Amino acid sequence: MSYSLLSVIVVLVAGAVAALCAVRVRPPARWWAGIAVVGLVLVVLTAVFDSVMILADLYRYQEATLSGLRIGAAPVEDFAWPVAAALLLPSVWLLLGASAPRATSPRKEDG
């Protein structure tokens, strides 16, 4: 199995769990925005630190298992993991019974 195929499978599973969460729990848009911000931060950190580790020769990939596309020195397949984590972990948290976030409304001031 290639690293590309494994990455696609992981992201598809995470996306399916997030879709299930969207249907069953119906979190508000603010929750999804939080996931997007976390995902973006994780992708940026992955680009920076994977590139540093690869350029420092701390680890290598078998080129035959990669697509050849890179962001910095990091293969694009490496970005499946932060995307999957950003989708999967909060979705599983809600599906396992954490209270769903509620849309907030301004409070009325008493008196």
PDB file of N, CA and C in Angstrom:
ATOM      1  N   MET A   1       0.854  -1.177   0.000  1.00  0.00           N
ATOM      2  CA  MET A   1       0.000   0.000   0.000  1.00  0.00           C
ATOM      3  C   MET A   1       0.897   1.236   0.000  1.00  0.00           C
ATOM      4  N   SER A   2       0.561   2.183  -0.831  1.00  0.00           N
ATOM      5  CA  SER A   2       1.361   3.409  -0.892  1.00  0.00           C
ATOM      6  C   SER A   2       0.946   4.359   0.232  1.00  0.00           C
ATOM      7  N   TYR A   3       1.861   5.238   0.551  1.00  0.00           N
ATOM      8  CA  TYR A   3       1.597   6.241   1.574  1.00  0.00           C
ATOM      9  C   TYR A   3       0.446   7.149   1.138  1.00  0.00           C
ATOM     10  N   SER A   4       0.353   7.404  -0.157  1.00  0.00           N
ATOM     11  CA  SER A   4      -0.739   8.235  -0.689  1.00  0.00           C
ATOM     12  C   SER A   4      -2.094   7.587  -0.448  1.00  0.00           C
ATOM     13  N   LEU A   5      -2.198   6.301  -0.732  1.00  0.00           N
ATOM     14  CA  LEU A   5      -3.464   5.589  -0.539  1.00  0.00           C
ATOM     15  C   LEU A   5      -3.844   5.548   0.936  1.00  0.00           C
ATOM     16  N   LEU A   6      -2.879   5.279   1.794  1.00  0.00           N
ATOM     17  CA  LEU A   6      -3.145   5.257   3.228  1.00  0.00           C
ATOM     18  C   LEU A   6      -3.634   6.623   3.707  1.00  0.00           C
ATOM     19  N   SER A   7      -3.028   7.680   3.218  1.00  0.00           N
ATOM     20  CA  SER A   7      -3.432   9.035   3.599  1.00  0.00           C
ATOM     21  C   SER A   7      -4.862   9.339   3.170  1.00  0.00           C
ATOM     22  N   VAL A   8      -5.211   8.934   1.959  1.00  0.00           N
ATOM     23  CA  VAL A   8      -6.575   9.155   1.457  1.00  0.00           C
ATOM     24  C   VAL A   8      -7.582   8.391   2.308  1.00  0.00           C
ATOM     25  N   ILE A   9      -7.274   7.152   2.653  1.00  0.00           N
ATOM     26  CA  ILE A   9      -8.181   6.340   3.471  1.00  0.00           C
ATOM     27  C   ILE A   9      -8.401   6.995   4.829  1.00  0.00           C
ATOM     28  N   VAL A  10      -7.327   7.456   5.459  1.00  0.00           N
ATOM     29  CA  VAL A  10      -7.433   8.076   6.782  1.00  0.00           C
ATOM     30  C   VAL A  10      -8.300   9.335   6.724  1.00  0.00           C
ATOM     31  N   VAL A  11      -8.095  10.173   5.720  1.00  0.00           N
ATOM     32  CA  VAL A  11      -8.889  11.407   5.606  1.00  0.00           C
ATOM     33  C   VAL A  11     -10.351  11.085   5.295  1.00  0.00           C
ATOM     34  N   LEU A  12     -10.601  10.076   4.471  1.00  0.00           N
ATOM     35  CA  LEU A  12     -11.986   9.688   4.175  1.00  0.00           C
ATOM     36  C   LEU A  12     -12.706   9.172   5.417  1.00  0.00           C
ATOM     37  N   VAL A  13     -12.030   8.369   6.226  1.00  0.00           N
ATOM     38  CA  VAL A  13     -12.642   7.873   7.465  1.00  0.00           C
ATOM     39  C   VAL A  13     -12.935   9.043   8.404  1.00  0.00           C
ATOM     40  N   ALA A  14     -11.976   9.943   8.568  1.00  0.00           N
ATOM     41  CA  ALA A  14     -12.187  11.109   9.431  1.00  0.00           C
ATOM     42  C   ALA A  14     -13.329  11.976   8.904  1.00  0.00           C
ATOM     43  N   GLY A  15     -13.399  12.152   7.596  1.00  0.00           N
ATOM     44  CA  GLY A  15     -14.488  12.925   6.997  1.00  0.00           C
ATOM     45  C   GLY A  15     -15.838  12.269   7.199  1.00  0.00           C
ATOM     46  N   ALA A  16     -15.883  10.937   7.124  1.00  0.00           N
ATOM     47  CA  ALA A  16     -17.138  10.214   7.344  1.00  0.00           C
ATOM     48  C   ALA A  16     -17.612  10.376   8.785  1.00  0.00           C
ATOM     49  N   VAL A  17     -16.686  10.310   9.735  1.00  0.00           N
ATOM     50  CA  VAL A  17     -17.061  10.492  11.143  1.00  0.00           C
ATOM     51  C   VAL A  17     -17.525  11.927  11.379  1.00  0.00           C
ATOM     52  N   ALA A  18     -16.859  12.901  10.767  1.00  0.00           N
ATOM     53  CA  ALA A  18     -17.283  14.300  10.902  1.00  0.00           C
ATOM     54  C   ALA A  18     -18.665  14.510  10.286  1.00  0.00           C
ATOM     55  N   ALA A  19     -18.934  13.850   9.160  1.00  0.00           N
ATOM     56  CA  ALA A  19     -20.261  13.957   8.531  1.00  0.00           C
ATOM     57  C   ALA A  19     -21.330  13.340   9.427  1.00  0.00           C
ATOM     58  N   LEU A  20     -21.017  12.209  10.040  1.00  0.00           N
ATOM     59  CA  LEU A  20     -21.950  11.576  10.977  1.00  0.00           C
ATOM     60  C   LEU A  20     -22.232  12.509  12.148  1.00  0.00           C
ATOM     61  N   CYS A  21     -21.195  13.150  12.646  1.00  0.00           N
ATOM     62  CA  CYS A  21     -21.357  14.112  13.739  1.00  0.00           C
ATOM     63  C   CYS A  21     -22.242  15.278  13.300  1.00  0.00           C
ATOM     64  N   ALA A  22     -22.044  15.752  12.079  1.00  0.00           N
ATOM     65  CA  ALA A  22     -22.841  16.872  11.572  1.00  0.00           C
ATOM     66  C   ALA A  22     -24.316  16.517  11.508  1.00  0.00           C
ATOM     67  N   VAL A  23     -24.616  15.270  11.159  1.00  0.00           N
ATOM     68  CA  VAL A  23     -26.006  14.833  11.024  1.00  0.00           C
ATOM     69  C   VAL A  23     -26.629  14.533  12.383  1.00  0.00           C
ATOM     70  N   ARG A  24     -25.895  13.832  13.241  1.00  0.00           N
ATOM     71  CA  ARG A  24     -26.479  13.390  14.512  1.00  0.00           C
ATOM     72  C   ARG A  24     -26.475  14.455  15.592  1.00  0.00           C
ATOM     73  N   VAL A  25     -25.391  15.210  15.706  1.00  0.00           N
ATOM     74  CA  VAL A  25     -25.255  16.174  16.802  1.00  0.00           C
ATOM     75  C   VAL A  25     -25.620  17.591  16.360  1.00  0.00           C
ATOM     76  N   ARG A  26     -25.388  17.903  15.101  1.00  0.00           N
ATOM     77  CA  ARG A  26     -25.651  19.222  14.525  1.00  0.00           C
ATOM     78  C   ARG A  26     -24.975  20.359  15.294  1.00  0.00           C
ATOM     79  N   PRO A  27     -23.638  20.313  15.356  1.00  0.00           N
ATOM     80  CA  PRO A  27     -22.944  21.414  16.035  1.00  0.00           C
ATOM     81  C   PRO A  27     -23.092  22.711  15.244  1.00  0.00           C
ATOM     82  N   PRO A  28     -23.023  23.848  15.933  1.00  0.00           N
ATOM     83  CA  PRO A  28     -23.205  25.133  15.245  1.00  0.00           C
ATOM     84  C   PRO A  28     -22.000  25.480  14.360  1.00  0.00           C
ATOM     85  N   ALA A  29     -22.185  26.487  13.536  1.00  0.00           N
ATOM     86  CA  ALA A  29     -21.130  26.930  12.609  1.00  0.00           C
ATOM     87  C   ALA A  29     -19.865  27.341  13.357  1.00  0.00           C
ATOM     88  N   ARG A  30     -20.035  27.884  14.531  1.00  0.00           N
ATOM     89  CA  ARG A  30     -18.880  28.308  15.335  1.00  0.00           C
ATOM     90  C   ARG A  30     -17.977  27.123  15.659  1.00  0.00           C
ATOM     91  N   TRP A  31     -18.566  25.966  15.923  1.00  0.00           N
ATOM     92  CA  TRP A  31     -17.806  24.748  16.214  1.00  0.00           C
ATOM     93  C   TRP A  31     -16.988  24.342  14.992  1.00  0.00           C
ATOM     94  N   TRP A  32     -17.618  24.383  13.812  1.00  0.00           N
ATOM     95  CA  TRP A  32     -16.918  24.031  12.574  1.00  0.00           C
ATOM     96  C   TRP A  32     -15.810  25.034  12.269  1.00  0.00           C
ATOM     97  N   ALA A  33     -16.046  26.303  12.576  1.00  0.00           N
ATOM     98  CA  ALA A  33     -15.004  27.316  12.371  1.00  0.00           C
ATOM     99  C   ALA A  33     -13.800  27.025  13.257  1.00  0.00           C
ATOM    100  N   GLY A  34     -14.062  26.589  14.473  1.00  0.00           N
ATOM    101  CA  GLY A  34     -12.975  26.210  15.377  1.00  0.00           C
ATOM    102  C   GLY A  34     -12.161  25.055  14.830  1.00  0.00           C
ATOM    103  N   ILE A  35     -12.856  24.077  14.251  1.00  0.00           N
ATOM    104  CA  ILE A  35     -12.163  22.942  13.637  1.00  0.00           C
ATOM    105  C   ILE A  35     -11.303  23.423  12.469  1.00  0.00           C
ATOM    106  N   ALA A  36     -11.814  24.337  11.679  1.00  0.00           N
ATOM    107  CA  ALA A  36     -11.053  24.857  10.536  1.00  0.00           C
ATOM    108  C   ALA A  36      -9.796  25.589  10.999  1.00  0.00           C
ATOM    109  N   VAL A  37      -9.916  26.392  12.045  1.00  0.00           N
ATOM    110  CA  VAL A  37      -8.756  27.123  12.567  1.00  0.00           C
ATOM    111  C   VAL A  37      -7.717  26.149  13.113  1.00  0.00           C
ATOM    112  N   VAL A  38      -8.165  25.184  13.894  1.00  0.00           N
ATOM    113  CA  VAL A  38      -7.241  24.183  14.438  1.00  0.00           C
ATOM    114  C   VAL A  38      -6.572  23.406  13.308  1.00  0.00           C
ATOM    115  N   GLY A  39      -7.349  23.017  12.312  1.00  0.00           N
ATOM    116  CA  GLY A  39      -6.782  22.293  11.174  1.00  0.00           C
ATOM    117  C   GLY A  39      -5.722  23.110  10.458  1.00  0.00           C
ATOM    118  N   LEU A  40      -5.990  24.387  10.241  1.00  0.00           N
ATOM    119  CA  LEU A  40      -5.023  25.260   9.577  1.00  0.00           C
ATOM    120  C   LEU A  40      -3.736  25.384  10.396  1.00  0.00           C
ATOM    121  N   VAL A  41      -3.880  25.573  11.698  1.00  0.00           N
ATOM    122  CA  VAL A  41      -2.701  25.674  12.567  1.00  0.00           C
ATOM    123  C   VAL A  41      -1.893  24.380  12.519  1.00  0.00           C
ATOM    124  N   LEU A  42      -2.568  23.239  12.590  1.00  0.00           N
ATOM    125  CA  LEU A  42      -1.861  21.959  12.535  1.00  0.00           C
ATOM    126  C   LEU A  42      -1.151  21.751  11.200  1.00  0.00           C
ATOM    127  N   VAL A  43      -1.771  22.159  10.112  1.00  0.00           N
ATOM    128  CA  VAL A  43      -1.142  22.025   8.788  1.00  0.00           C
ATOM    129  C   VAL A  43       0.100  22.911   8.695  1.00  0.00           C
ATOM    130  N   VAL A  44       0.017  24.143   9.181  1.00  0.00           N
ATOM    131  CA  VAL A  44       1.181  25.039   9.152  1.00  0.00           C
ATOM    132  C   VAL A  44       2.308  24.469  10.009  1.00  0.00           C
ATOM    133  N   LEU A  45       1.974  24.004  11.210  1.00  0.00           N
ATOM    134  CA  LEU A  45       3.000  23.414  12.074  1.00  0.00           C
ATOM    135  C   LEU A  45       3.616  22.169  11.442  1.00  0.00           C
ATOM    136  N   THR A  46       2.797  21.369  10.785  1.00  0.00           N
ATOM    137  CA  THR A  46       3.311  20.183  10.097  1.00  0.00           C
ATOM    138  C   THR A  46       4.270  20.587   8.990  1.00  0.00           C
ATOM    139  N   ALA A  47       3.914  21.594   8.212  1.00  0.00           N
ATOM    140  CA  ALA A  47       4.792  22.052   7.127  1.00  0.00           C
ATOM    141  C   ALA A  47       6.141  22.508   7.674  1.00  0.00           C
ATOM    142  N   VAL A  48       6.108  23.282   8.735  1.00  0.00           N
ATOM    143  CA  VAL A  48       7.350  23.815   9.296  1.00  0.00           C
ATOM    144  C   VAL A  48       8.195  22.704   9.909  1.00  0.00           C
ATOM    145  N   PHE A  49       7.623  21.945  10.831  1.00  0.00           N
ATOM    146  CA  PHE A  49       8.433  20.988  11.578  1.00  0.00           C
ATOM    147  C   PHE A  49       8.799  19.752  10.766  1.00  0.00           C
ATOM    148  N   ASP A  50       7.933  19.294   9.896  1.00  0.00           N
ATOM    149  CA  ASP A  50       8.317  18.180   9.020  1.00  0.00           C
ATOM    150  C   ASP A  50       9.443  18.597   8.087  1.00  0.00           C
ATOM    151  N   SER A  51       9.355  19.804   7.551  1.00  0.00           N
ATOM    152  CA  SER A  51      10.422  20.287   6.671  1.00  0.00           C
ATOM    153  C   SER A  51      11.753  20.371   7.417  1.00  0.00           C
ATOM    154  N   VAL A  52      11.721  20.895   8.632  1.00  0.00           N
ATOM    155  CA  VAL A  52      12.951  20.990   9.429  1.00  0.00           C
ATOM    156  C   VAL A  52      13.527  19.601   9.688  1.00  0.00           C
ATOM    157  N   MET A  53      12.679  18.658  10.085  1.00  0.00           N
ATOM    158  CA  MET A  53      13.176  17.312  10.392  1.00  0.00           C
ATOM    159  C   MET A  53      13.692  16.596   9.152  1.00  0.00           C
ATOM    160  N   ILE A  54      13.032  16.795   8.020  1.00  0.00           N
ATOM    161  CA  ILE A  54      13.481  16.157   6.781  1.00  0.00           C
ATOM    162  C   ILE A  54      14.798  16.780   6.322  1.00  0.00           C
ATOM    163  N   LEU A  55      14.893  18.100   6.366  1.00  0.00           N
ATOM    164  CA  LEU A  55      16.125  18.774   5.947  1.00  0.00           C
ATOM    165  C   LEU A  55      17.287  18.468   6.887  1.00  0.00           C
ATOM    166  N   ALA A  56      16.995  18.202   8.163  1.00  0.00           N
ATOM    167  CA  ALA A  56      18.037  17.810   9.119  1.00  0.00           C
ATOM    168  C   ALA A  56      18.388  16.329   8.980  1.00  0.00           C
ATOM    169  N   ASP A  57      17.726  15.644   8.068  1.00  0.00           N
ATOM    170  CA  ASP A  57      17.956  14.226   7.782  1.00  0.00           C
ATOM    171  C   ASP A  57      17.650  13.331   8.992  1.00  0.00           C
ATOM    172  N   LEU A  58      16.630  13.722   9.764  1.00  0.00           N
ATOM    173  CA  LEU A  58      16.209  12.888  10.888  1.00  0.00           C
ATOM    174  C   LEU A  58      15.405  11.684  10.422  1.00  0.00           C
ATOM    175  N   TYR A  59      14.736  11.802   9.297  1.00  0.00           N
ATOM    176  CA  TYR A  59      14.060  10.654   8.699  1.00  0.00           C
ATOM    177  C   TYR A  59      13.911  10.861   7.204  1.00  0.00           C
ATOM    178  N   ARG A  60      13.679   9.760   6.520  1.00  0.00           N
ATOM    179  CA  ARG A  60      13.537   9.772   5.063  1.00  0.00           C
ATOM    180  C   ARG A  60      12.333   8.940   4.674  1.00  0.00           C
ATOM    181  N   TYR A  61      11.824   9.221   3.479  1.00  0.00           N
ATOM    182  CA  TYR A  61      10.709   8.458   2.927  1.00  0.00           C
ATOM    183  C   TYR A  61      11.197   7.660   1.735  1.00  0.00           C
ATOM    184  N   GLN A  62      10.555   6.529   1.493  1.00  0.00           N
ATOM    185  CA  GLN A  62      10.809   5.801   0.256  1.00  0.00           C
ATOM    186  C   GLN A  62      10.057   6.550  -0.837  1.00  0.00           C
ATOM    187  N   GLU A  63      10.774   7.124  -1.749  1.00  0.00           N
ATOM    188  CA  GLU A  63      10.166   7.965  -2.782  1.00  0.00           C
ATOM    189  C   GLU A  63       9.129   7.211  -3.612  1.00  0.00           C
ATOM    190  N   ALA A  64       9.284   5.906  -3.747  1.00  0.00           N
ATOM    191  CA  ALA A  64       8.343   5.119  -4.556  1.00  0.00           C
ATOM    192  C   ALA A  64       6.946   5.090  -3.945  1.00  0.00           C
ATOM    193  N   THR A  65       6.831   5.348  -2.640  1.00  0.00           N
ATOM    194  CA  THR A  65       5.526   5.296  -1.979  1.00  0.00           C
ATOM    195  C   THR A  65       4.849   6.663  -1.907  1.00  0.00           C
ATOM    196  N   LEU A  66       5.492   7.694  -2.443  1.00  0.00           N
ATOM    197  CA  LEU A  66       4.972   9.059  -2.363  1.00  0.00           C
ATOM    198  C   LEU A  66       4.479   9.543  -3.722  1.00  0.00           C
ATOM    199  N   SER A  67       3.623  10.556  -3.691  1.00  0.00           N
ATOM    200  CA  SER A  67       3.119  11.138  -4.942  1.00  0.00           C
ATOM    201  C   SER A  67       4.154  12.040  -5.608  1.00  0.00           C
ATOM    202  N   GLY A  68       5.091  12.550  -4.837  1.00  0.00           N
ATOM    203  CA  GLY A  68       6.098  13.457  -5.373  1.00  0.00           C
ATOM    204  C   GLY A  68       5.790  14.918  -5.101  1.00  0.00           C
ATOM    205  N   LEU A  69       4.554  15.236  -4.724  1.00  0.00           N
ATOM    206  CA  LEU A  69       4.186  16.618  -4.394  1.00  0.00           C
ATOM    207  C   LEU A  69       4.664  16.941  -2.984  1.00  0.00           C
ATOM    208  N   ARG A  70       5.189  18.132  -2.812  1.00  0.00           N
ATOM    209  CA  ARG A  70       5.713  18.533  -1.506  1.00  0.00           C
ATOM    210  C   ARG A  70       5.273  19.951  -1.167  1.00  0.00           C
ATOM    211  N   ILE A  71       5.153  20.196   0.108  1.00  0.00           N
ATOM    212  CA  ILE A  71       4.960  21.542   0.637  1.00  0.00           C
ATOM    213  C   ILE A  71       6.178  21.780   1.511  1.00  0.00           C
ATOM    214  N   GLY A  72       7.031  22.686   1.085  1.00  0.00           N
ATOM    215  CA  GLY A  72       8.341  22.784   1.716  1.00  0.00           C
ATOM    216  C   GLY A  72       9.085  21.504   1.383  1.00  0.00           C
ATOM    217  N   ALA A  73       9.644  20.865   2.393  1.00  0.00           N
ATOM    218  CA  ALA A  73      10.312  19.578   2.178  1.00  0.00           C
ATOM    219  C   ALA A  73       9.395  18.411   2.525  1.00  0.00           C
ATOM    220  N   ALA A  74       8.203  18.706   3.041  1.00  0.00           N
ATOM    221  CA  ALA A  74       7.291  17.656   3.504  1.00  0.00           C
ATOM    222  C   ALA A  74       6.408  17.147   2.371  1.00  0.00           C
ATOM    223  N   PRO A  75       6.290  15.835   2.241  1.00  0.00           N
ATOM    224  CA  PRO A  75       5.382  15.292   1.226  1.00  0.00           C
ATOM    225  C   PRO A  75       3.932  15.613   1.588  1.00  0.00           C
ATOM    226  N   VAL A  76       3.096  15.825   0.573  1.00  0.00           N
ATOM    227  CA  VAL A  76       1.700  16.185   0.845  1.00  0.00           C
ATOM    228  C   VAL A  76       0.983  15.103   1.644  1.00  0.00           C
ATOM    229  N   GLU A  77       1.436  13.884   1.538  1.00  0.00           N
ATOM    230  CA  GLU A  77       0.795  12.796   2.289  1.00  0.00           C
ATOM    231  C   GLU A  77       0.882  13.022   3.798  1.00  0.00           C
ATOM    232  N   ASP A  78       1.912  13.717   4.251  1.00  0.00           N
ATOM    233  CA  ASP A  78       2.053  13.999   5.683  1.00  0.00           C
ATOM    234  C   ASP A  78       0.943  14.892   6.218  1.00  0.00           C
ATOM    235  N   PHE A  79       0.289  15.620   5.347  1.00  0.00           N
ATOM    236  CA  PHE A  79      -0.732  16.558   5.801  1.00  0.00           C
ATOM    237  C   PHE A  79      -2.082  15.885   6.043  1.00  0.00           C
ATOM    238  N   ALA A  80      -2.195  14.622   5.703  1.00  0.00           N
ATOM    239  CA  ALA A  80      -3.422  13.877   5.994  1.00  0.00           C
ATOM    240  C   ALA A  80      -3.624  13.735   7.496  1.00  0.00           C
ATOM    241  N   TRP A  81      -2.551  13.568   8.229  1.00  0.00           N
ATOM    242  CA  TRP A  81      -2.669  13.306   9.668  1.00  0.00           C
ATOM    243  C   TRP A  81      -3.197  14.506  10.440  1.00  0.00           C
ATOM    244  N   PRO A  82      -2.691  15.721  10.239  1.00  0.00           N
ATOM    245  CA  PRO A  82      -3.286  16.843  10.966  1.00  0.00           C
ATOM    246  C   PRO A  82      -4.721  17.141  10.534  1.00  0.00           C
ATOM    247  N   VAL A  83      -5.016  16.957   9.252  1.00  0.00           N
ATOM    248  CA  VAL A  83      -6.393  17.170   8.784  1.00  0.00           C
ATOM    249  C   VAL A  83      -7.319  16.143   9.428  1.00  0.00           C
ATOM    250  N   ALA A  84      -6.895  14.889   9.447  1.00  0.00           N
ATOM    251  CA  ALA A  84      -7.704  13.836  10.059  1.00  0.00           C
ATOM    252  C   ALA A  84      -7.885  14.082  11.552  1.00  0.00           C
ATOM    253  N   ALA A  85      -6.828  14.494  12.226  1.00  0.00           N
ATOM    254  CA  ALA A  85      -6.927  14.761  13.664  1.00  0.00           C
ATOM    255  C   ALA A  85      -7.888  15.905  13.949  1.00  0.00           C
ATOM    256  N   ALA A  86      -7.813  16.963  13.146  1.00  0.00           N
ATOM    257  CA  ALA A  86      -8.694  18.117  13.357  1.00  0.00           C
ATOM    258  C   ALA A  86     -10.155  17.756  13.127  1.00  0.00           C
ATOM    259  N   LEU A  87     -10.434  16.840  12.214  1.00  0.00           N
ATOM    260  CA  LEU A  87     -11.811  16.409  11.952  1.00  0.00           C
ATOM    261  C   LEU A  87     -12.277  15.341  12.934  1.00  0.00           C
ATOM    262  N   LEU A  88     -11.427  14.355  13.144  1.00  0.00           N
ATOM    263  CA  LEU A  88     -11.844  13.154  13.859  1.00  0.00           C
ATOM    264  C   LEU A  88     -12.004  13.358  15.367  1.00  0.00           C
ATOM    265  N   LEU A  89     -11.025  13.940  16.012  1.00  0.00           N
ATOM    266  CA  LEU A  89     -11.059  14.018  17.472  1.00  0.00           C
ATOM    267  C   LEU A  89     -12.244  14.813  18.020  1.00  0.00           C
ATOM    268  N   PRO A  90     -12.515  16.024  17.531  1.00  0.00           N
ATOM    269  CA  PRO A  90     -13.687  16.739  18.055  1.00  0.00           C
ATOM    270  C   PRO A  90     -15.006  16.046  17.701  1.00  0.00           C
ATOM    271  N   SER A  91     -15.058  15.423  16.532  1.00  0.00           N
ATOM    272  CA  SER A  91     -16.287  14.734  16.121  1.00  0.00           C
ATOM    273  C   SER A  91     -16.567  13.534  17.012  1.00  0.00           C
ATOM    274  N   VAL A  92     -15.542  12.751  17.281  1.00  0.00           N
ATOM    275  CA  VAL A  92     -15.710  11.594  18.168  1.00  0.00           C
ATOM    276  C   VAL A  92     -16.099  12.062  19.563  1.00  0.00           C
ATOM    277  N   TRP A  93     -15.497  13.158  20.012  1.00  0.00           N
ATOM    278  CA  TRP A  93     -15.817  13.711  21.329  1.00  0.00           C
ATOM    279  C   TRP A  93     -17.321  13.999  21.446  1.00  0.00           C
ATOM    280  N   LEU A  94     -17.883  14.643  20.438  1.00  0.00           N
ATOM    281  CA  LEU A  94     -19.316  14.942  20.475  1.00  0.00           C
ATOM    282  C   LEU A  94     -20.163  13.686  20.330  1.00  0.00           C
ATOM    283  N   LEU A  95     -19.747  12.778  19.458  1.00  0.00           N
ATOM    284  CA  LEU A  95     -20.524  11.551  19.248  1.00  0.00           C
ATOM    285  C   LEU A  95     -20.536  10.662  20.482  1.00  0.00           C
ATOM    286  N   LEU A  96     -19.494  10.737  21.298  1.00  0.00           N
ATOM    287  CA  LEU A  96     -19.429   9.913  22.506  1.00  0.00           C
ATOM    288  C   LEU A  96     -20.136  10.551  23.691  1.00  0.00           C
ATOM    289  N   GLY A  97     -20.791  11.660  23.458  1.00  0.00           N
ATOM    290  CA  GLY A  97     -21.656  12.184  24.498  1.00  0.00           C
ATOM    291  C   GLY A  97     -21.265  13.498  25.121  1.00  0.00           C
ATOM    292  N   ALA A  98     -20.222  14.132  24.654  1.00  0.00           N
ATOM    293  CA  ALA A  98     -19.922  15.460  25.178  1.00  0.00           C
ATOM    294  C   ALA A  98     -21.078  16.373  24.803  1.00  0.00           C
ATOM    295  N   SER A  99     -21.336  17.336  25.630  1.00  0.00           N
ATOM    296  CA  SER A  99     -22.459  18.218  25.316  1.00  0.00           C
ATOM    297  C   SER A  99     -22.126  19.041  24.082  1.00  0.00           C
ATOM    298  N   ALA A 100     -23.082  19.126  23.209  1.00  0.00           N
ATOM    299  CA  ALA A 100     -22.900  19.894  21.977  1.00  0.00           C
ATOM    300  C   ALA A 100     -22.823  21.372  22.319  1.00  0.00           C
ATOM    301  N   PRO A 101     -21.924  22.088  21.683  1.00  0.00           N
ATOM    302  CA  PRO A 101     -21.875  23.532  21.920  1.00  0.00           C
ATOM    303  C   PRO A 101     -23.159  24.178  21.433  1.00  0.00           C
ATOM    304  N   ARG A 102     -23.558  25.203  22.113  1.00  0.00           N
ATOM    305  CA  ARG A 102     -24.794  25.889  21.739  1.00  0.00           C
ATOM    306  C   ARG A 102     -24.466  27.261  21.193  1.00  0.00           C
ATOM    307  N   ALA A 103     -25.285  27.691  20.282  1.00  0.00           N
ATOM    308  CA  ALA A 103     -25.132  29.056  19.782  1.00  0.00           C
ATOM    309  C   ALA A 103     -25.457  29.999  20.928  1.00  0.00           C
ATOM    310  N   THR A 104     -24.634  30.993  21.101  1.00  0.00           N
ATOM    311  CA  THR A 104     -24.862  31.923  22.206  1.00  0.00           C
ATOM    312  C   THR A 104     -25.652  33.120  21.715  1.00  0.00           C
ATOM    313  N   SER A 105     -26.441  33.645  22.606  1.00  0.00           N
ATOM    314  CA  SER A 105     -27.189  34.854  22.292  1.00  0.00           C
ATOM    315  C   SER A 105     -26.903  35.871  23.387  1.00  0.00           C
ATOM    316  N   PRO A 106     -27.018  37.126  23.069  1.00  0.00           N
ATOM    317  CA  PRO A 106     -26.747  38.150  24.082  1.00  0.00           C
ATOM    318  C   PRO A 106     -27.710  38.008  25.257  1.00  0.00           C
ATOM    319  N   ARG A 107     -27.176  38.211  26.445  1.00  0.00           N
ATOM    320  CA  ARG A 107     -28.019  38.133  27.643  1.00  0.00           C
ATOM    321  C   ARG A 107     -28.754  39.451  27.853  1.00  0.00           C
ATOM    322  N   LYS A 108     -29.953  39.324  28.368  1.00  0.00           N
ATOM    323  CA  LYS A 108     -30.714  40.525  28.713  1.00  0.00           C
ATOM    324  C   LYS A 108     -30.245  41.002  30.081  1.00  0.00           C
ATOM    325  N   GLU A 109     -29.994  42.257  30.165  1.00  0.00           N
ATOM    326  CA  GLU A 109     -29.573  42.844  31.432  1.00  0.00           C
ATOM    327  C   GLU A 109     -30.792  43.042  32.326  1.00  0.00           C
ATOM    328  N   ASP A 110     -30.658  42.604  33.555  1.00  0.00           N
ATOM    329  CA  ASP A 110     -31.742  42.820  34.519  1.00  0.00           C
ATOM    330  C   ASP A 110     -31.574  44.199  35.144  1.00  0.00           C
ATOM    331  N   GLY A 111     -32.618  44.910  35.147  1.00  0.00           N
ATOM    332  CA  GLY A 111     -32.776  46.099  35.788  1.00  0.00           C
ATOM    333  C   GLY A 111     -32.085  47.275  35.846  1.00  0.00           C
TER     334      GLY A 111
END
